PDB file of N, CA and C in Angstrom:
ATOM      1  N   UNK A   1      57.495 117.442 111.312  1.00  0.00           N
ATOM      2  CA  UNK A   1      58.239 117.732 111.295  1.00  0.00           C
ATOM      3  C   UNK A   1      59.413 117.726 109.893  1.00  0.00           C
ATOM      4  N   UNK A   2      59.130 116.682 109.678  1.00  0.00           N
ATOM      5  CA  UNK A   2      59.683 116.865 107.830  1.00  0.00           C
ATOM      6  C   UNK A   2      59.930 118.285 107.311  1.00  0.00           C
ATOM      7  N   UNK A   3      58.493 118.715 107.254  1.00  0.00           N
ATOM      8  CA  UNK A   3      58.252 119.323 106.742  1.00  0.00           C
ATOM      9  C   UNK A   3      58.354 121.168 107.182  1.00  0.00           C
ATOM     10  N   UNK A   4      58.457 120.965 108.526  1.00  0.00           N
ATOM     11  CA  UNK A   4      58.689 122.636 108.927  1.00  0.00           C
ATOM     12  C   UNK A   4      60.741 122.564 108.578  1.00  0.00           C
ATOM     13  N   UNK A   5      61.448 121.592 108.538  1.00  0.00           N
ATOM     14  CA  UNK A   5      62.268 121.183 108.650  1.00  0.00           C
ATOM     15  C   UNK A   5      62.465 121.827 106.895  1.00  0.00           C
ATOM     16  N   UNK A   6      61.963 121.107 105.945  1.00  0.00           N
ATOM     17  CA  UNK A   6      62.157 121.674 104.809  1.00  0.00           C
ATOM     18  C   UNK A   6      62.139 123.275 104.429  1.00  0.00           C
ATOM     19  N   UNK A   7      60.472 124.061 104.607  1.00  0.00           N
ATOM     20  CA  UNK A   7      59.806 125.000 105.460  1.00  0.00           C
ATOM     21  C   UNK A   7      61.231 125.759 105.634  1.00  0.00           C
ATOM     22  N   UNK A   8      62.091 125.861 106.658  1.00  0.00           N
ATOM     23  CA  UNK A   8      63.241 126.283 107.754  1.00  0.00           C
ATOM     24  C   UNK A   8      64.041 126.412 106.558  1.00  0.00           C
ATOM     25  N   UNK A   9      64.449 125.514 105.989  1.00  0.00           N
ATOM     26  CA  UNK A   9      65.667 125.453 104.586  1.00  0.00           C
ATOM     27  C   UNK A   9      65.135 126.051 103.676  1.00  0.00           C
ATOM     28  N   UNK A  10      64.160 126.209 103.312  1.00  0.00           N
ATOM     29  CA  UNK A  10      64.211 127.110 102.214  1.00  0.00           C
ATOM     30  C   UNK A  10      64.277 128.378 102.397  1.00  0.00           C
ATOM     31  N   UNK A  11      63.144 128.863 103.592  1.00  0.00           N
ATOM     32  CA  UNK A  11      63.565 130.571 104.175  1.00  0.00           C
ATOM     33  C   UNK A  11      64.998 130.806 103.964  1.00  0.00           C
ATOM     34  N   UNK A  12      66.040 129.675 104.846  1.00  0.00           N
ATOM     35  CA  UNK A  12      67.105 130.427 105.175  1.00  0.00           C
ATOM     36  C   UNK A  12      67.570 130.264 103.673  1.00  0.00           C
ATOM     37  N   UNK A  13      67.390 129.504 102.833  1.00  0.00           N
ATOM     38  CA  UNK A  13      67.458 129.878 101.071  1.00  0.00           C
ATOM     39  C   UNK A  13      67.533 131.355 100.540  1.00  0.00           C
ATOM     40  N   UNK A  14      66.426 130.929 101.094  1.00  0.00           N
ATOM     41  CA  UNK A  14      65.450 132.495 100.365  1.00  0.00           C
ATOM     42  C   UNK A  14      66.951 133.354 100.712  1.00  0.00           C
ATOM     43  N   UNK A  15      66.407 133.444 101.910  1.00  0.00           N
ATOM     44  CA  UNK A  15      67.223 135.270 102.762  1.00  0.00           C
ATOM     45  C   UNK A  15      68.438 135.250 102.076  1.00  0.00           C
ATOM     46  N   UNK A  16      69.311 133.545 102.224  1.00  0.00           N
ATOM     47  CA  UNK A  16      70.929 133.942 101.828  1.00  0.00           C
ATOM     48  C   UNK A  16      70.935 134.348 100.235  1.00  0.00           C
ATOM     49  N   UNK A  17      69.793 134.258  99.184  1.00  0.00           N
ATOM     50  CA  UNK A  17      69.735 134.679  98.274  1.00  0.00           C
ATOM     51  C   UNK A  17      69.143 135.968  98.470  1.00  0.00           C
ATOM     52  N   UNK A  18      69.205 136.761  98.686  1.00  0.00           N
ATOM     53  CA  UNK A  18      68.665 138.049  99.136  1.00  0.00           C
ATOM     54  C   UNK A  18      69.817 138.352  99.801  1.00  0.00           C
ATOM     55  N   UNK A  19      70.777 137.741 100.183  1.00  0.00           N
ATOM     56  CA  UNK A  19      72.107 138.523 101.040  1.00  0.00           C
ATOM     57  C   UNK A  19      71.612 138.631 102.603  1.00  0.00           C
ATOM     58  N   UNK A  20      70.577 137.974 102.761  1.00  0.00           N
ATOM     59  CA  UNK A  20      70.847 138.455 104.590  1.00  0.00           C
ATOM     60  C   UNK A  20      70.530 136.328 105.127  1.00  0.00           C
ATOM     61  N   UNK A  21      70.944 136.856 106.186  1.00  0.00           N
ATOM     62  CA  UNK A  21      71.305 135.652 107.095  1.00  0.00           C
ATOM     63  C   UNK A  21      70.755 136.197 108.650  1.00  0.00           C
ATOM     64  N   UNK A  22      70.564 134.768 108.883  1.00  0.00           N
ATOM     65  CA  UNK A  22      69.072 134.782 110.195  1.00  0.00           C
ATOM     66  C   UNK A  22      69.973 134.214 110.772  1.00  0.00           C
ATOM     67  N   UNK A  23      71.306 134.283 111.646  1.00  0.00           N
ATOM     68  CA  UNK A  23      71.586 133.536 112.592  1.00  0.00           C
ATOM     69  C   UNK A  23      71.249 132.405 113.317  1.00  0.00           C
ATOM     70  N   UNK A  24      69.942 132.736 114.084  1.00  0.00           N
ATOM     71  CA  UNK A  24      69.372 131.699 114.807  1.00  0.00           C
ATOM     72  C   UNK A  24      67.972 131.494 114.056  1.00  0.00           C
ATOM     73  N   UNK A  25      68.068 131.135 112.915  1.00  0.00           N
ATOM     74  CA  UNK A  25      66.733 131.014 112.389  1.00  0.00           C
ATOM     75  C   UNK A  25      67.121 128.688 112.718  1.00  0.00           C
ATOM     76  N   UNK A  26      66.080 128.984 112.832  1.00  0.00           N
ATOM     77  CA  UNK A  26      65.702 127.515 113.289  1.00  0.00           C
ATOM     78  C   UNK A  26      64.366 126.461 113.885  1.00  0.00           C
ATOM     79  N   UNK A  27      64.458 125.668 113.798  1.00  0.00           N
ATOM     80  CA  UNK A  27      62.926 125.077 115.028  1.00  0.00           C
ATOM     81  C   UNK A  27      62.908 125.916 116.168  1.00  0.00           C
ATOM     82  N   UNK A  28      61.549 126.087 116.512  1.00  0.00           N
ATOM     83  CA  UNK A  28      60.875 125.835 118.356  1.00  0.00           C
ATOM     84  C   UNK A  28      61.180 124.735 118.516  1.00  0.00           C
ATOM     85  N   UNK A  29      62.239 124.498 119.483  1.00  0.00           N
ATOM     86  CA  UNK A  29      61.696 123.404 119.955  1.00  0.00           C
ATOM     87  C   UNK A  29      60.702 122.940 120.653  1.00  0.00           C
ATOM     88  N   UNK A  30      60.484 124.302 121.367  1.00  0.00           N
ATOM     89  CA  UNK A  30      58.668 123.901 122.485  1.00  0.00           C
ATOM     90  C   UNK A  30      58.197 123.273 121.341  1.00  0.00           C
ATOM     91  N   UNK A  31      58.342 124.155 120.360  1.00  0.00           N
ATOM     92  CA  UNK A  31      56.623 123.645 119.559  1.00  0.00           C
ATOM     93  C   UNK A  31      57.229 122.102 118.300  1.00  0.00           C
ATOM     94  N   UNK A  32      57.777 121.388 118.355  1.00  0.00           N
ATOM     95  CA  UNK A  32      58.296 120.275 118.253  1.00  0.00           C
ATOM     96  C   UNK A  32      57.522 119.187 119.109  1.00  0.00           C
ATOM     97  N   UNK A  33      57.496 119.699 120.418  1.00  0.00           N
ATOM     98  CA  UNK A  33      57.439 118.197 121.534  1.00  0.00           C
ATOM     99  C   UNK A  33      56.282 118.109 121.431  1.00  0.00           C
ATOM    100  N   UNK A  34      54.919 119.162 120.682  1.00  0.00           N
ATOM    101  CA  UNK A  34      53.667 118.108 120.625  1.00  0.00           C
ATOM    102  C   UNK A  34      52.798 118.121 119.292  1.00  0.00           C
ATOM    103  N   UNK A  35      51.881 117.374 119.243  1.00  0.00           N
ATOM    104  CA  UNK A  35      50.597 117.244 118.246  1.00  0.00           C
ATOM    105  C   UNK A  35      50.542 118.305 117.641  1.00  0.00           C
ATOM    106  N   UNK A  36      50.072 119.224 118.020  1.00  0.00           N
ATOM    107  CA  UNK A  36      48.923 120.513 117.268  1.00  0.00           C
ATOM    108  C   UNK A  36      49.857 121.485 118.565  1.00  0.00           C
ATOM    109  N   UNK A  37      49.601 122.981 118.459  1.00  0.00           N
ATOM    110  CA  UNK A  37      49.717 122.892 116.876  1.00  0.00           C
ATOM    111  C   UNK A  37      50.980 122.787 116.076  1.00  0.00           C
ATOM    112  N   UNK A  38      50.883 122.453 115.041  1.00  0.00           N
ATOM    113  CA  UNK A  38      52.416 121.917 114.428  1.00  0.00           C
ATOM    114  C   UNK A  38      53.806 123.120 114.933  1.00  0.00           C
ATOM    115  N   UNK A  39      54.902 122.472 114.013  1.00  0.00           N
ATOM    116  CA  UNK A  39      56.326 123.073 114.516  1.00  0.00           C
ATOM    117  C   UNK A  39      56.203 124.757 114.164  1.00  0.00           C
ATOM    118  N   UNK A  40      56.556 125.109 114.942  1.00  0.00           N
ATOM    119  CA  UNK A  40      57.207 126.480 114.477  1.00  0.00           C
ATOM    120  C   UNK A  40      58.143 126.567 114.278  1.00  0.00           C
ATOM    121  N   UNK A  41      58.630 127.865 112.794  1.00  0.00           N
ATOM    122  CA  UNK A  41      59.813 128.065 113.030  1.00  0.00           C
ATOM    123  C   UNK A  41      60.552 129.261 113.732  1.00  0.00           C
ATOM    124  N   UNK A  42      61.305 129.437 114.352  1.00  0.00           N
ATOM    125  CA  UNK A  42      61.760 130.331 115.061  1.00  0.00           C
ATOM    126  C   UNK A  42      62.749 131.708 114.712  1.00  0.00           C
ATOM    127  N   UNK A  43      62.718 132.461 113.732  1.00  0.00           N
ATOM    128  CA  UNK A  43      63.515 133.563 112.961  1.00  0.00           C
ATOM    129  C   UNK A  43      64.386 133.878 114.521  1.00  0.00           C
ATOM    130  N   UNK A  44      64.476 133.923 115.416  1.00  0.00           N
ATOM    131  CA  UNK A  44      65.603 134.504 116.316  1.00  0.00           C
ATOM    132  C   UNK A  44      66.083 135.600 116.504  1.00  0.00           C
ATOM    133  N   UNK A  45      66.677 135.475 116.637  1.00  0.00           N
ATOM    134  CA  UNK A  45      67.854 137.606 116.981  1.00  0.00           C
ATOM    135  C   UNK A  45      68.543 137.842 116.053  1.00  0.00           C
ATOM    136  N   UNK A  46      68.588 139.246 115.379  1.00  0.00           N
ATOM    137  CA  UNK A  46      69.719 139.473 114.397  1.00  0.00           C
ATOM    138  C   UNK A  46      70.259 140.816 115.198  1.00  0.00           C
ATOM    139  N   UNK A  47      70.950 141.856 114.312  1.00  0.00           N
ATOM    140  CA  UNK A  47      71.508 142.965 114.606  1.00  0.00           C
ATOM    141  C   UNK A  47      70.833 143.695 113.816  1.00  0.00           C
ATOM    142  N   UNK A  48      71.150 144.704 114.458  1.00  0.00           N
ATOM    143  CA  UNK A  48      69.988 146.134 113.371  1.00  0.00           C
ATOM    144  C   UNK A  48      70.696 145.951 111.804  1.00  0.00           C
ATOM    145  N   UNK A  49      71.668 146.264 111.539  1.00  0.00           N
ATOM    146  CA  UNK A  49      72.086 145.688 110.080  1.00  0.00           C
ATOM    147  C   UNK A  49      71.155 145.008 109.616  1.00  0.00           C
ATOM    148  N   UNK A  50      71.810 143.778 109.880  1.00  0.00           N
ATOM    149  CA  UNK A  50      70.810 142.275 109.712  1.00  0.00           C
ATOM    150  C   UNK A  50      69.353 142.526 109.513  1.00  0.00           C
ATOM    151  N   UNK A  51      68.737 143.655 110.670  1.00  0.00           N
ATOM    152  CA  UNK A  51      67.089 144.001 110.714  1.00  0.00           C
ATOM    153  C   UNK A  51      67.131 144.600 109.647  1.00  0.00           C
ATOM    154  N   UNK A  52      67.318 145.446 108.932  1.00  0.00           N
ATOM    155  CA  UNK A  52      67.240 146.570 107.722  1.00  0.00           C
ATOM    156  C   UNK A  52      67.446 145.820 106.249  1.00  0.00           C
ATOM    157  N   UNK A  53      68.744 145.114 106.257  1.00  0.00           N
ATOM    158  CA  UNK A  53      68.569 143.853 105.486  1.00  0.00           C
ATOM    159  C   UNK A  53      67.349 143.098 105.060  1.00  0.00           C
ATOM    160  N   UNK A  54      66.648 142.668 106.146  1.00  0.00           N
ATOM    161  CA  UNK A  54      66.124 141.972 106.281  1.00  0.00           C
ATOM    162  C   UNK A  54      64.688 143.269 105.406  1.00  0.00           C
ATOM    163  N   UNK A  55      64.418 144.205 105.764  1.00  0.00           N
ATOM    164  CA  UNK A  55      63.666 145.183 105.513  1.00  0.00           C
ATOM    165  C   UNK A  55      64.088 145.384 104.536  1.00  0.00           C
ATOM    166  N   UNK A  56      65.019 145.880 103.507  1.00  0.00           N
ATOM    167  CA  UNK A  56      65.349 145.970 102.482  1.00  0.00           C
ATOM    168  C   UNK A  56      64.983 145.576 101.459  1.00  0.00           C
ATOM    169  N   UNK A  57      65.050 143.593 101.833  1.00  0.00           N
ATOM    170  CA  UNK A  57      65.037 142.920 100.899  1.00  0.00           C
ATOM    171  C   UNK A  57      63.838 141.887 100.661  1.00  0.00           C
ATOM    172  N   UNK A  58      63.128 142.567 101.844  1.00  0.00           N
ATOM    173  CA  UNK A  58      61.412 142.667 101.556  1.00  0.00           C
ATOM    174  C   UNK A  58      60.355 143.584 100.970  1.00  0.00           C
ATOM    175  N   UNK A  59      61.148 144.908 100.495  1.00  0.00           N
ATOM    176  CA  UNK A  59      60.401 145.825  99.630  1.00  0.00           C
ATOM    177  C   UNK A  59      60.055 145.293  98.455  1.00  0.00           C
ATOM    178  N   UNK A  60      59.248 145.668  97.712  1.00  0.00           N
ATOM    179  CA  UNK A  60      59.623 145.134  96.166  1.00  0.00           C
ATOM    180  C   UNK A  60      60.460 145.574  95.130  1.00  0.00           C
ATOM    181  N   UNK A  61      60.908 145.150  94.521  1.00  0.00           N
ATOM    182  CA  UNK A  61      62.059 145.440  94.010  1.00  0.00           C
ATOM    183  C   UNK A  61      63.650 146.497  94.667  1.00  0.00           C
ATOM    184  N   UNK A  62      63.215 146.340  95.552  1.00  0.00           N
ATOM    185  CA  UNK A  62      64.716 146.942  96.490  1.00  0.00           C
ATOM    186  C   UNK A  62      65.584 146.226  96.192  1.00  0.00           C
ATOM    187  N   UNK A  63      65.641 144.539  96.911  1.00  0.00           N
ATOM    188  CA  UNK A  63      66.611 144.361  96.674  1.00  0.00           C
ATOM    189  C   UNK A  63      67.909 144.367  98.150  1.00  0.00           C
ATOM    190  N   UNK A  64      68.610 143.802  98.703  1.00  0.00           N
ATOM    191  CA  UNK A  64      69.685 144.355  99.473  1.00  0.00           C
ATOM    192  C   UNK A  64      70.379 145.412  99.445  1.00  0.00           C
ATOM    193  N   UNK A  65      70.308 146.785 100.178  1.00  0.00           N
ATOM    194  CA  UNK A  65      71.504 147.350 100.333  1.00  0.00           C
ATOM    195  C   UNK A  65      72.831 146.762  99.984  1.00  0.00           C
ATOM    196  N   UNK A  66      74.004 146.908  99.134  1.00  0.00           N
ATOM    197  CA  UNK A  66      75.296 146.799  99.498  1.00  0.00           C
ATOM    198  C   UNK A  66      76.769 147.686  99.346  1.00  0.00           C
TER     199      UNK A  66
END
């Protein structure tokens, strides 16, 4: 569980550095209840502007359009 929490925070920090905020980013509660498979990170929902910012941030050399 701790590893999943750290991975979620790492992702949140990397997205923030790219100018992207996923408001629903967090651990998937249902997947944390069992022992296998390991906990999942829920990227959640976002609006159109955030989806476009994320797509832009993922393109090599693009960064977030501001």
